[in-house]
Protein backbone atom coordinates (compact mmCIF):
# COMPACT_ATOMS: atom_id res chain seq x y z
CA UNK A 1 -0.07 0.07 0.19
CA UNK A 2 2.95 2.47 0.90
CA UNK A 3 4.21 1.77 -2.64
CA UNK A 4 0.99 3.09 -4.03
CA UNK A 5 0.92 6.21 -2.02
CA UNK A 6 4.61 6.92 -3.27
CA UNK A 7 3.75 6.51 -6.61
CA UNK A 8 0.98 8.68 -6.49
CA UNK A 9 2.93 11.27 -4.35
CA UNK A 10 5.55 11.04 -7.12
CA UNK A 11 2.91 11.48 -10.02
CA UNK A 12 1.18 14.42 -8.10
CA UNK A 13 4.51 16.25 -7.84
CA UNK A 14 5.54 15.90 -11.55
CA UNK A 15 2.22 16.76 -12.64
CA UNK A 16 2.42 19.91 -10.18
CA UNK A 17 5.62 20.50 -11.75
CA UNK A 18 4.00 20.43 -15.36
CA UNK A 19 1.22 22.63 -14.54
CA UNK A 20 3.32 25.24 -12.84
CA UNK A 21 5.52 25.37 -16.04
CA UNK A 22 2.61 25.81 -18.27
CA UNK A 23 1.45 28.77 -16.04
CA UNK A 24 4.79 30.38 -16.37
CA UNK A 25 5.15 30.04 -19.78
CA UNK A 26 1.51 31.16 -20.54
CA UNK A 27 2.21 34.33 -18.12
CA UNK A 28 5.40 35.30 -20.04
CA UNK A 29 3.93 34.85 -23.18
CA UNK A 30 0.88 37.05 -22.39
CA UNK A 31 3.28 39.60 -20.91
CA UNK A 32 2.15 38.87 -17.28
CA UNK A 33 3.79 39.49 -13.90
CA UNK A 34 6.19 36.75 -13.63
CA UNK A 35 6.93 37.36 -9.95
CA UNK A 36 3.42 37.51 -9.12
CA UNK A 37 2.38 34.07 -10.84
CA UNK A 38 5.52 32.67 -8.99
CA UNK A 39 4.44 33.77 -5.49
CA UNK A 40 0.74 32.76 -5.95
CA UNK A 41 1.92 29.04 -7.15
CA UNK A 42 4.52 28.76 -4.40
CA UNK A 43 7.39 28.61 -6.94
CA UNK A 44 10.77 29.23 -5.56
CA UNK A 45 13.41 30.11 -8.58
CA UNK A 46 17.25 29.95 -8.24
CA UNK A 47 17.85 33.46 -9.22
CA UNK A 48 15.69 36.46 -8.18
CA UNK A 49 13.32 38.19 -10.48
């Protein structure tokens, strides 16, 4: 049972990662505020914006 939960946690992590990437891409393409989007989604970037 714990293996199933671990797989689900991994899967949901990667799904969230892809959704965050898509949101950031749309924000950049539409000329939105990247910093605001990152804060709303809880994204930590390596370099400050």
